[in-house]
Structures are given as C-alpha cells and as structure tokens.
Protein backbone atom coordinates (compact mmCIF):
# COMPACT_ATOMS: atom_id res chain seq x y z
CA MET A 1 11.19 -29.24 32.02
CA ASN A 2 9.47 -30.94 29.10
CA ILE A 3 10.08 -29.73 25.56
CA LYS A 4 7.52 -30.53 22.90
CA ILE A 5 8.65 -30.67 19.27
CA LEU A 6 6.01 -29.05 17.08
CA HIS A 7 7.68 -29.28 13.67
CA SER A 8 10.91 -30.63 12.27
CA LYS A 9 12.45 -30.75 8.78
CA HIS A 10 15.62 -32.19 7.34
CA TYR A 11 17.47 -29.96 4.88
CA ALA A 12 20.03 -32.14 3.11
CA HIS A 13 23.38 -30.59 2.19
CA ASN A 14 22.69 -27.32 4.00
CA ASP A 15 24.75 -26.48 7.07
CA ILE A 16 22.37 -24.07 8.82
CA TYR A 17 24.35 -21.51 10.79
CA ILE A 18 22.17 -18.39 10.60
CA LEU A 19 18.78 -18.45 12.21
CA GLU A 20 16.68 -15.35 12.73
CA ILE A 21 12.97 -14.70 13.13
CA GLN A 22 11.49 -11.58 11.57
CA ASN A 23 7.78 -10.88 11.64
CA ASP A 24 6.17 -14.21 10.69
CA LYS A 25 9.19 -15.73 8.89
CA ILE A 26 12.19 -17.81 9.93
CA LEU A 27 15.37 -16.91 8.05
CA ILE A 28 18.17 -19.42 7.47
CA ASN A 29 21.24 -19.41 5.26
CA ASP A 30 20.82 -21.17 1.90
CA ASN A 31 24.10 -22.96 1.06
CA CYS A 32 26.17 -19.75 0.75
CA GLU A 33 23.80 -18.59 -2.01
CA GLY A 34 21.58 -16.36 0.08
CA LEU A 35 18.80 -16.68 2.62
CA ALA A 36 15.73 -18.89 2.68
CA GLN A 37 12.50 -17.75 4.29
CA LEU A 38 10.51 -20.44 6.05
CA ASN A 39 7.06 -20.30 7.58
CA PHE A 40 6.41 -21.59 11.10
CA HIS A 41 5.75 -25.09 9.69
CA LEU A 42 9.35 -24.95 8.34
CA ASP A 43 8.23 -24.96 4.71
CA ARG A 44 10.40 -22.89 2.36
CA GLU A 45 8.46 -19.91 1.05
CA THR A 46 11.01 -17.71 -0.72
CA LYS A 47 14.70 -17.48 -1.47
CA ILE A 48 16.66 -14.23 -1.21
CA PRO A 49 19.77 -14.51 -3.37
CA LEU A 50 23.05 -12.86 -2.36
CA HIS A 51 26.42 -12.52 -4.06
CA SER A 52 28.16 -15.77 -4.84
CA GLU A 53 29.86 -17.39 -1.84
CA THR A 54 28.76 -14.74 0.68
CA ILE A 55 29.52 -16.09 4.14
CA ILE A 56 27.19 -14.52 6.68
CA TYR A 57 28.67 -13.84 10.11
CA SER A 58 25.96 -11.65 11.64
CA VAL A 59 22.42 -10.58 10.89
CA TYR A 60 20.86 -7.48 12.42
CA LYS A 61 17.16 -6.95 11.94
CA GLU A 62 14.92 -3.93 11.96
CA PHE A 63 12.78 -4.13 15.11
CA GLN A 64 9.45 -3.45 13.41
CA GLY A 65 9.95 -3.77 9.70
CA SER A 66 11.34 -5.91 6.96
CA LYS A 67 14.98 -4.88 6.60
CA LEU A 68 18.06 -6.90 7.51
CA LEU A 69 21.69 -5.88 7.69
CA ILE A 70 23.99 -8.78 6.80
CA TYR A 71 27.64 -8.60 7.77
CA SER A 72 30.21 -10.59 5.78
CA PRO A 73 33.80 -9.73 6.79
CA ASP A 74 35.34 -12.24 4.35
CA GLN A 75 33.94 -10.23 1.44
CA GLU A 76 34.36 -6.97 3.39
CA GLU A 77 30.74 -5.99 2.89
CA MET A 78 27.54 -5.15 4.65
CA ILE A 79 24.32 -5.83 2.75
CA ILE A 80 20.91 -4.33 3.51
CA ILE A 81 17.99 -6.45 2.33
CA ASN A 82 14.27 -5.86 2.33
CA THR A 83 12.86 -9.32 3.15
CA ASN A 84 9.45 -8.48 1.67
CA THR A 85 10.82 -7.64 -1.78
CA GLY A 86 14.21 -9.39 -1.76
CA GLU A 87 15.89 -6.18 -2.94
CA ASN A 88 19.34 -5.23 -1.65
C-alpha cells in the first residue's frame, strides 16, 4: 500500500491530541486554550477559546451540523460549542 502525503504542517509548541473532522474543517486542540479550526490545506482559519487549562478527553460531534460536545473530566464539565459561531 502506498500512502501519498498531500499536505503537512509543523505546529511548534502544540501537542496535538484531539483531531476531529466536521463538515469542511479539521479541529485540533490549541495548547489547552481551546480548539483551532484548520482547512484541508492545514491552514489555521479560526480559534475557538475555552476556559483556561481545559483538558479535552473526548469530542462528540453532531452528525450533520456544527455542534460539538467536549468532555473534560478534570474540570468536571461538558461544553457544547457551535463551531460556526464559536459560542458555548
């Protein structure tokens, strides 16, 4: 099996541990400050801020829509975010 790399980016000082695709965006964690939305060329388009030091363990996405449920057991919270507006 041959794998062809289409795009790659280096994000310094960001340990990427959450990766989700929703609609036409790639979502990654943004240094425990929130989420970053990337396009398919891996360029950062928007930032969705969260509470300070929120550690994301799981992300559940709406099948056809723009809402995410973020689970953070360390802070004992679940956050619902609209990825189009950034509102939670």
